[in-house]
Full PDB file with SEQRES, HELIX, SHEET, SSBOND, CRYST1, ORIGX, SCALE, CONECT and MASTER records, all heavy atoms in Angstrom:
SEQRES   1 A   32  PRO LEU ALA LEU LEU LEU PHE ALA MET LEU GLY LEU GLY          
SEQRES   2 A   32  LEU ALA LEU PRO PHE LEU ALA ILE GLY PHE VAL PRO ALA          
SEQRES   3 A   32  ILE ARG GLU ARG LEU PRO                                      
HELIX    1 AA1 LEU A    2  PHE A   23  1                                  22    
HELIX    2 AA2 PRO A   25  GLU A   29  1                                   5    
CRYST1    1.000    1.000    1.000  90.00  90.00  90.00 P 1           1          
ORIGX1      1.000000  0.000000  0.000000        0.00000                         
ORIGX2      0.000000  1.000000  0.000000        0.00000                         
ORIGX3      0.000000  0.000000  1.000000        0.00000                         
SCALE1      1.000000  0.000000  0.000000        0.00000                         
SCALE2      0.000000  1.000000  0.000000        0.00000                         
SCALE3      0.000000  0.000000  1.000000        0.00000                         
ATOM      1  N   PRO A   1      21.261   3.510  -7.101  1.00  0.00           N  
ATOM      2  CA  PRO A   1      20.154   4.308  -6.413  1.00  0.00           C  
ATOM      3  C   PRO A   1      18.798   4.166  -7.110  1.00  0.00           C  
ATOM      4  O   PRO A   1      17.760   3.984  -6.524  1.00  0.00           O  
ATOM      5  CB  PRO A   1      20.655   5.660  -6.354  1.00  0.00           C  
ATOM      6  CG  PRO A   1      22.131   5.578  -6.389  1.00  0.00           C  
ATOM      7  CD  PRO A   1      22.375   4.395  -7.315  1.00  0.00           C  
ATOM      8  N   LEU A   2      18.853   4.239  -8.456  1.00  0.00           N  
ATOM      9  CA  LEU A   2      17.597   4.260  -9.190  1.00  0.00           C  
ATOM     10  C   LEU A   2      17.025   2.786  -9.237  1.00  0.00           C  
ATOM     11  O   LEU A   2      15.817   2.604  -9.217  1.00  0.00           O  
ATOM     12  CB  LEU A   2      17.824   4.681 -10.668  1.00  0.00           C  
ATOM     13  CG  LEU A   2      18.197   6.116 -10.813  1.00  0.00           C  
ATOM     14  CD1 LEU A   2      18.478   6.462 -12.305  1.00  0.00           C  
ATOM     15  CD2 LEU A   2      17.208   7.054 -10.210  1.00  0.00           C  
ATOM     16  N   ALA A   3      17.942   1.794  -9.271  1.00  0.00           N  
ATOM     17  CA  ALA A   3      17.476   0.356  -9.210  1.00  0.00           C  
ATOM     18  C   ALA A   3      16.792   0.130  -7.879  1.00  0.00           C  
ATOM     19  O   ALA A   3      15.722  -0.546  -7.821  1.00  0.00           O  
ATOM     20  CB  ALA A   3      18.670  -0.535  -9.435  1.00  0.00           C  
ATOM     21  N   LEU A   4      17.367   0.575  -6.795  1.00  0.00           N  
ATOM     22  CA  LEU A   4      16.734   0.357  -5.471  1.00  0.00           C  
ATOM     23  C   LEU A   4      15.431   1.071  -5.349  1.00  0.00           C  
ATOM     24  O   LEU A   4      14.503   0.649  -4.703  1.00  0.00           O  
ATOM     25  CB  LEU A   4      17.673   0.807  -4.376  1.00  0.00           C  
ATOM     26  CG  LEU A   4      18.972  -0.061  -4.244  1.00  0.00           C  
ATOM     27  CD1 LEU A   4      19.877   0.545  -3.150  1.00  0.00           C  
ATOM     28  CD2 LEU A   4      18.691  -1.486  -4.009  1.00  0.00           C  
ATOM     29  N   LEU A   5      15.311   2.238  -6.047  1.00  0.00           N  
ATOM     30  CA  LEU A   5      14.001   2.945  -6.097  1.00  0.00           C  
ATOM     31  C   LEU A   5      12.962   2.077  -6.750  1.00  0.00           C  
ATOM     32  O   LEU A   5      11.831   2.069  -6.295  1.00  0.00           O  
ATOM     33  CB  LEU A   5      14.192   4.267  -6.836  1.00  0.00           C  
ATOM     34  CG  LEU A   5      12.929   5.076  -7.040  1.00  0.00           C  
ATOM     35  CD1 LEU A   5      12.267   5.508  -5.757  1.00  0.00           C  
ATOM     36  CD2 LEU A   5      13.200   6.347  -7.956  1.00  0.00           C  
ATOM     37  N   LEU A   6      13.266   1.427  -7.844  1.00  0.00           N  
ATOM     38  CA  LEU A   6      12.337   0.517  -8.458  1.00  0.00           C  
ATOM     39  C   LEU A   6      11.890  -0.631  -7.573  1.00  0.00           C  
ATOM     40  O   LEU A   6      10.753  -0.994  -7.509  1.00  0.00           O  
ATOM     41  CB  LEU A   6      12.880  -0.025  -9.801  1.00  0.00           C  
ATOM     42  CG  LEU A   6      13.134   0.976 -10.884  1.00  0.00           C  
ATOM     43  CD1 LEU A   6      13.616   0.257 -12.164  1.00  0.00           C  
ATOM     44  CD2 LEU A   6      11.825   1.795 -11.225  1.00  0.00           C  
ATOM     45  N   PHE A   7      12.861  -1.208  -6.845  1.00  0.00           N  
ATOM     46  CA  PHE A   7      12.499  -2.306  -5.894  1.00  0.00           C  
ATOM     47  C   PHE A   7      11.621  -1.772  -4.750  1.00  0.00           C  
ATOM     48  O   PHE A   7      10.701  -2.489  -4.375  1.00  0.00           O  
ATOM     49  CB  PHE A   7      13.793  -2.920  -5.378  1.00  0.00           C  
ATOM     50  CG  PHE A   7      14.564  -3.741  -6.296  1.00  0.00           C  
ATOM     51  CD1 PHE A   7      15.879  -3.426  -6.647  1.00  0.00           C  
ATOM     52  CD2 PHE A   7      13.943  -4.852  -6.921  1.00  0.00           C  
ATOM     53  CE1 PHE A   7      16.552  -4.168  -7.544  1.00  0.00           C  
ATOM     54  CE2 PHE A   7      14.722  -5.641  -7.861  1.00  0.00           C  
ATOM     55  CZ  PHE A   7      15.963  -5.283  -8.180  1.00  0.00           C  
ATOM     56  N   ALA A   8      11.889  -0.558  -4.310  1.00  0.00           N  
ATOM     57  CA  ALA A   8      11.000   0.054  -3.277  1.00  0.00           C  
ATOM     58  C   ALA A   8       9.638   0.305  -3.788  1.00  0.00           C  
ATOM     59  O   ALA A   8       8.638   0.030  -3.097  1.00  0.00           O  
ATOM     60  CB  ALA A   8      11.642   1.335  -2.823  1.00  0.00           C  
ATOM     61  N   MET A   9       9.511   0.751  -5.090  1.00  0.00           N  
ATOM     62  CA  MET A   9       8.189   0.968  -5.623  1.00  0.00           C  
ATOM     63  C   MET A   9       7.427  -0.387  -5.860  1.00  0.00           C  
ATOM     64  O   MET A   9       6.198  -0.474  -5.733  1.00  0.00           O  
ATOM     65  CB  MET A   9       8.296   1.677  -6.964  1.00  0.00           C  
ATOM     66  CG  MET A   9       8.863   3.098  -6.803  1.00  0.00           C  
ATOM     67  SD  MET A   9       7.967   4.099  -5.639  1.00  0.00           S  
ATOM     68  CE  MET A   9       6.344   4.236  -6.446  1.00  0.00           C  
ATOM     69  N   LEU A  10       8.126  -1.407  -6.142  1.00  0.00           N  
ATOM     70  CA  LEU A  10       7.516  -2.756  -6.268  1.00  0.00           C  
ATOM     71  C   LEU A  10       6.983  -3.159  -4.910  1.00  0.00           C  
ATOM     72  O   LEU A  10       5.823  -3.663  -4.817  1.00  0.00           O  
ATOM     73  CB  LEU A  10       8.626  -3.791  -6.705  1.00  0.00           C  
ATOM     74  CG  LEU A  10       8.200  -5.245  -6.673  1.00  0.00           C  
ATOM     75  CD1 LEU A  10       7.140  -5.478  -7.710  1.00  0.00           C  
ATOM     76  CD2 LEU A  10       9.378  -6.169  -6.929  1.00  0.00           C  
ATOM     77  N   GLY A  11       7.731  -2.937  -3.796  1.00  0.00           N  
ATOM     78  CA  GLY A  11       7.204  -3.245  -2.468  1.00  0.00           C  
ATOM     79  C   GLY A  11       6.065  -2.397  -2.079  1.00  0.00           C  
ATOM     80  O   GLY A  11       5.047  -2.872  -1.496  1.00  0.00           O  
ATOM     81  N   LEU A  12       6.112  -1.142  -2.459  1.00  0.00           N  
ATOM     82  CA  LEU A  12       5.036  -0.245  -2.154  1.00  0.00           C  
ATOM     83  C   LEU A  12       3.665  -0.684  -2.854  1.00  0.00           C  
ATOM     84  O   LEU A  12       2.598  -0.666  -2.295  1.00  0.00           O  
ATOM     85  CB  LEU A  12       5.336   1.174  -2.563  1.00  0.00           C  
ATOM     86  CG  LEU A  12       4.216   2.248  -2.293  1.00  0.00           C  
ATOM     87  CD1 LEU A  12       3.859   2.355  -0.842  1.00  0.00           C  
ATOM     88  CD2 LEU A  12       4.639   3.621  -2.871  1.00  0.00           C  
ATOM     89  N   GLY A  13       3.844  -1.076  -4.110  1.00  0.00           N  
ATOM     90  CA  GLY A  13       2.666  -1.621  -4.886  1.00  0.00           C  
ATOM     91  C   GLY A  13       2.134  -2.905  -4.202  1.00  0.00           C  
ATOM     92  O   GLY A  13       0.858  -3.007  -4.117  1.00  0.00           O  
ATOM     93  N   LEU A  14       2.987  -3.776  -3.750  1.00  0.00           N  
ATOM     94  CA  LEU A  14       2.537  -4.954  -3.064  1.00  0.00           C  
ATOM     95  C   LEU A  14       1.738  -4.642  -1.756  1.00  0.00           C  
ATOM     96  O   LEU A  14       0.832  -5.344  -1.425  1.00  0.00           O  
ATOM     97  CB  LEU A  14       3.754  -5.940  -2.754  1.00  0.00           C  
ATOM     98  CG  LEU A  14       3.477  -7.176  -2.127  1.00  0.00           C  
ATOM     99  CD1 LEU A  14       2.570  -8.073  -2.944  1.00  0.00           C  
ATOM    100  CD2 LEU A  14       4.827  -7.980  -1.829  1.00  0.00           C  
ATOM    101  N   ALA A  15       2.206  -3.651  -1.024  1.00  0.00           N  
ATOM    102  CA  ALA A  15       1.617  -3.290   0.226  1.00  0.00           C  
ATOM    103  C   ALA A  15       0.521  -2.317   0.052  1.00  0.00           C  
ATOM    104  O   ALA A  15      -0.219  -1.997   1.108  1.00  0.00           O  
ATOM    105  CB  ALA A  15       2.694  -2.731   1.151  1.00  0.00           C  
ATOM    106  N   LEU A  16       0.232  -1.781  -1.108  1.00  0.00           N  
ATOM    107  CA  LEU A  16      -0.721  -0.696  -1.261  1.00  0.00           C  
ATOM    108  C   LEU A  16      -2.054  -1.010  -0.838  1.00  0.00           C  
ATOM    109  O   LEU A  16      -2.766  -0.182  -0.127  1.00  0.00           O  
ATOM    110  CB  LEU A  16      -0.695  -0.197  -2.775  1.00  0.00           C  
ATOM    111  CG  LEU A  16      -1.315   1.174  -3.024  1.00  0.00           C  
ATOM    112  CD1 LEU A  16      -0.605   2.259  -2.208  1.00  0.00           C  
ATOM    113  CD2 LEU A  16      -1.213   1.478  -4.562  1.00  0.00           C  
ATOM    114  N   PRO A  17      -2.672  -2.153  -1.135  1.00  0.00           N  
ATOM    115  CA  PRO A  17      -4.037  -2.408  -0.638  1.00  0.00           C  
ATOM    116  C   PRO A  17      -4.125  -2.359   0.937  1.00  0.00           C  
ATOM    117  O   PRO A  17      -5.082  -1.809   1.425  1.00  0.00           O  
ATOM    118  CB  PRO A  17      -4.396  -3.828  -1.195  1.00  0.00           C  
ATOM    119  CG  PRO A  17      -3.446  -3.949  -2.346  1.00  0.00           C  
ATOM    120  CD  PRO A  17      -2.189  -3.226  -1.996  1.00  0.00           C  
ATOM    121  N   PHE A  18      -3.187  -2.954   1.541  1.00  0.00           N  
ATOM    122  CA  PHE A  18      -3.199  -2.949   3.033  1.00  0.00           C  
ATOM    123  C   PHE A  18      -2.999  -1.548   3.558  1.00  0.00           C  
ATOM    124  O   PHE A  18      -3.628  -1.161   4.543  1.00  0.00           O  
ATOM    125  CB  PHE A  18      -2.068  -3.877   3.490  1.00  0.00           C  
ATOM    126  CG  PHE A  18      -2.220  -4.338   4.903  1.00  0.00           C  
ATOM    127  CD1 PHE A  18      -2.895  -5.506   5.194  1.00  0.00           C  
ATOM    128  CD2 PHE A  18      -1.639  -3.659   5.929  1.00  0.00           C  
ATOM    129  CE1 PHE A  18      -3.087  -5.900   6.481  1.00  0.00           C  
ATOM    130  CE2 PHE A  18      -1.864  -4.022   7.257  1.00  0.00           C  
ATOM    131  CZ  PHE A  18      -2.512  -5.192   7.459  1.00  0.00           C  
ATOM    132  N   LEU A  19      -2.139  -0.766   2.920  1.00  0.00           N  
ATOM    133  CA  LEU A  19      -1.974   0.598   3.315  1.00  0.00           C  
ATOM    134  C   LEU A  19      -3.204   1.449   3.165  1.00  0.00           C  
ATOM    135  O   LEU A  19      -3.523   2.284   3.999  1.00  0.00           O  
ATOM    136  CB  LEU A  19      -0.759   1.187   2.546  1.00  0.00           C  
ATOM    137  CG  LEU A  19      -0.274   2.585   3.022  1.00  0.00           C  
ATOM    138  CD1 LEU A  19       0.328   2.518   4.429  1.00  0.00           C  
ATOM    139  CD2 LEU A  19       0.794   3.104   2.035  1.00  0.00           C  
ATOM    140  N   ALA A  20      -3.930   1.185   2.051  1.00  0.00           N  
ATOM    141  CA  ALA A  20      -5.132   1.904   1.794  1.00  0.00           C  
ATOM    142  C   ALA A  20      -6.185   1.599   2.935  1.00  0.00           C  
ATOM    143  O   ALA A  20      -6.908   2.454   3.354  1.00  0.00           O  
ATOM    144  CB  ALA A  20      -5.725   1.547   0.449  1.00  0.00           C  
ATOM    145  N   ILE A  21      -6.241   0.344   3.341  1.00  0.00           N  
ATOM    146  CA  ILE A  21      -7.201   0.042   4.355  1.00  0.00           C  
ATOM    147  C   ILE A  21      -6.850   0.789   5.661  1.00  0.00           C  
ATOM    148  O   ILE A  21      -7.744   1.208   6.419  1.00  0.00           O  
ATOM    149  CB  ILE A  21      -7.209  -1.505   4.610  1.00  0.00           C  
ATOM    150  CG1 ILE A  21      -7.849  -2.220   3.410  1.00  0.00           C  
ATOM    151  CG2 ILE A  21      -7.939  -1.861   5.932  1.00  0.00           C  
ATOM    152  CD1 ILE A  21      -7.720  -3.676   3.460  1.00  0.00           C  
ATOM    153  N   GLY A  22      -5.576   0.918   5.943  1.00  0.00           N  
ATOM    154  CA  GLY A  22      -5.207   1.569   7.170  1.00  0.00           C  
ATOM    155  C   GLY A  22      -5.501   3.106   7.193  1.00  0.00           C  
ATOM    156  O   GLY A  22      -5.755   3.698   8.216  1.00  0.00           O  
ATOM    157  N   PHE A  23      -5.551   3.690   6.014  1.00  0.00           N  
ATOM    158  CA  PHE A  23      -5.686   5.222   5.928  1.00  0.00           C  
ATOM    159  C   PHE A  23      -6.931   5.626   5.261  1.00  0.00           C  
ATOM    160  O   PHE A  23      -7.212   6.860   5.293  1.00  0.00           O  
ATOM    161  CB  PHE A  23      -4.467   5.767   5.138  1.00  0.00           C  
ATOM    162  CG  PHE A  23      -3.281   5.892   6.006  1.00  0.00           C  
ATOM    163  CD1 PHE A  23      -2.432   4.740   6.125  1.00  0.00           C  
ATOM    164  CD2 PHE A  23      -2.851   7.072   6.587  1.00  0.00           C  
ATOM    165  CE1 PHE A  23      -1.244   4.846   6.838  1.00  0.00           C  
ATOM    166  CE2 PHE A  23      -1.701   7.116   7.278  1.00  0.00           C  
ATOM    167  CZ  PHE A  23      -0.890   6.051   7.495  1.00  0.00           C  
ATOM    168  N   VAL A  24      -7.833   4.736   4.766  1.00  0.00           N  
ATOM    169  CA  VAL A  24      -9.068   5.152   4.112  1.00  0.00           C  
ATOM    170  C   VAL A  24     -10.192   4.599   5.037  1.00  0.00           C  
ATOM    171  O   VAL A  24     -10.476   3.388   4.964  1.00  0.00           O  
ATOM    172  CB  VAL A  24      -9.175   4.681   2.669  1.00  0.00           C  
ATOM    173  CG1 VAL A  24     -10.498   5.096   2.082  1.00  0.00           C  
ATOM    174  CG2 VAL A  24      -8.010   5.165   1.849  1.00  0.00           C  
ATOM    175  N   PRO A  25     -10.864   5.414   5.762  1.00  0.00           N  
ATOM    176  CA  PRO A  25     -11.927   4.968   6.643  1.00  0.00           C  
ATOM    177  C   PRO A  25     -13.048   4.248   5.879  1.00  0.00           C  
ATOM    178  O   PRO A  25     -13.678   3.266   6.455  1.00  0.00           O  
ATOM    179  CB  PRO A  25     -12.444   6.226   7.315  1.00  0.00           C  
ATOM    180  CG  PRO A  25     -11.281   7.189   7.264  1.00  0.00           C  
ATOM    181  CD  PRO A  25     -10.600   6.872   5.995  1.00  0.00           C  
ATOM    182  N   ALA A  26     -13.402   4.681   4.716  1.00  0.00           N  
ATOM    183  CA  ALA A  26     -14.489   4.072   3.962  1.00  0.00           C  
ATOM    184  C   ALA A  26     -14.183   2.601   3.688  1.00  0.00           C  
ATOM    185  O   ALA A  26     -15.132   1.814   3.666  1.00  0.00           O  
ATOM    186  CB  ALA A  26     -14.686   4.824   2.665  1.00  0.00           C  
ATOM    187  N   ILE A  27     -12.981   2.280   3.511  1.00  0.00           N  
ATOM    188  CA  ILE A  27     -12.645   0.883   3.218  1.00  0.00           C  
ATOM    189  C   ILE A  27     -12.688   0.090   4.507  1.00  0.00           C  
ATOM    190  O   ILE A  27     -13.252  -1.091   4.557  1.00  0.00           O  
ATOM    191  CB  ILE A  27     -11.262   0.721   2.620  1.00  0.00           C  
ATOM    192  CG1 ILE A  27     -11.172   1.510   1.282  1.00  0.00           C  
ATOM    193  CG2 ILE A  27     -10.841  -0.733   2.393  1.00  0.00           C  
ATOM    194  CD1 ILE A  27      -9.831   1.504   0.568  1.00  0.00           C  
ATOM    195  N   ARG A  28     -12.194   0.668   5.597  1.00  0.00           N  
ATOM    196  CA  ARG A  28     -12.216   0.013   6.915  1.00  0.00           C  
ATOM    197  C   ARG A  28     -13.627  -0.323   7.356  1.00  0.00           C  
ATOM    198  O   ARG A  28     -13.932  -1.369   8.052  1.00  0.00           O  
ATOM    199  CB  ARG A  28     -11.459   0.757   7.950  1.00  0.00           C  
ATOM    200  CG  ARG A  28      -9.921   0.840   7.734  1.00  0.00           C  
ATOM    201  CD  ARG A  28      -9.264   1.170   9.006  1.00  0.00           C  
ATOM    202  NE  ARG A  28      -9.784   2.375   9.634  1.00  0.00           N  
ATOM    203  CZ  ARG A  28      -9.435   3.633   9.306  1.00  0.00           C  
ATOM    204  NH1 ARG A  28      -8.568   3.774   8.320  1.00  0.00           N  
ATOM    205  NH2 ARG A  28      -9.982   4.654   9.951  1.00  0.00           N  
ATOM    206  N   GLU A  29     -14.487   0.608   7.073  1.00  0.00           N  
ATOM    207  CA  GLU A  29     -15.912   0.476   7.560  1.00  0.00           C  
ATOM    208  C   GLU A  29     -16.597  -0.809   6.957  1.00  0.00           C  
ATOM    209  O   GLU A  29     -17.577  -1.254   7.447  1.00  0.00           O  
ATOM    210  CB  GLU A  29     -16.699   1.705   7.208  1.00  0.00           C  
ATOM    211  CG  GLU A  29     -16.322   2.890   8.023  1.00  0.00           C  
ATOM    212  CD  GLU A  29     -17.039   4.182   7.627  1.00  0.00           C  
ATOM    213  OE1 GLU A  29     -17.781   4.124   6.564  1.00  0.00           O  
ATOM    214  OE2 GLU A  29     -16.749   5.240   8.191  1.00  0.00           O  
ATOM    215  N   ARG A  30     -16.081  -1.248   5.775  1.00  0.00           N  
ATOM    216  CA  ARG A  30     -16.673  -2.423   5.191  1.00  0.00           C  
ATOM    217  C   ARG A  30     -16.138  -3.706   5.715  1.00  0.00           C  
ATOM    218  O   ARG A  30     -16.589  -4.763   5.397  1.00  0.00           O  
ATOM    219  CB  ARG A  30     -16.462  -2.324   3.641  1.00  0.00           C  
ATOM    220  CG  ARG A  30     -17.176  -1.113   2.973  1.00  0.00           C  
ATOM    221  CD  ARG A  30     -16.926  -1.132   1.497  1.00  0.00           C  
ATOM    222  NE  ARG A  30     -17.617  -0.063   0.846  1.00  0.00           N  
ATOM    223  CZ  ARG A  30     -18.849  -0.047   0.381  1.00  0.00           C  
ATOM    224  NH1 ARG A  30     -19.520  -1.139   0.526  1.00  0.00           N  
ATOM    225  NH2 ARG A  30     -19.363   0.992  -0.147  1.00  0.00           N  
ATOM    226  N   LEU A  31     -15.088  -3.593   6.560  1.00  0.00           N  
ATOM    227  CA  LEU A  31     -14.463  -4.785   7.103  1.00  0.00           C  
ATOM    228  C   LEU A  31     -15.241  -5.261   8.361  1.00  0.00           C  
ATOM    229  O   LEU A  31     -15.793  -4.369   9.103  1.00  0.00           O  
ATOM    230  CB  LEU A  31     -13.030  -4.582   7.507  1.00  0.00           C  
ATOM    231  CG  LEU A  31     -12.070  -4.302   6.323  1.00  0.00           C  
ATOM    232  CD1 LEU A  31     -10.698  -3.916   6.842  1.00  0.00           C  
ATOM    233  CD2 LEU A  31     -12.006  -5.475   5.330  1.00  0.00           C  
ATOM    234  N   PRO A  32     -15.333  -6.578   8.608  1.00  0.00           N  
ATOM    235  CA  PRO A  32     -16.012  -6.986   9.847  1.00  0.00           C  
ATOM    236  C   PRO A  32     -15.261  -6.508  11.097  1.00  0.00           C  
ATOM    237  O   PRO A  32     -14.037  -6.440  11.083  1.00  0.00           O  
ATOM    238  CB  PRO A  32     -15.945  -8.489   9.752  1.00  0.00           C  
ATOM    239  CG  PRO A  32     -14.845  -8.794   8.797  1.00  0.00           C  
ATOM    240  CD  PRO A  32     -14.834  -7.662   7.837  1.00  0.00           C  
TER     241      PRO A  32                                                      
MASTER        0    0    0    2    0    0    0    6  240    1    0    3          
END                                                                             
């Protein structure tokens, strides 16, 4: 269970920039 938690956190880190764009309006406003 702890090992799978680390793999999940790895995936979350990989997706974090994209997730931030979806939930932070200030970042989206800078996109075309």
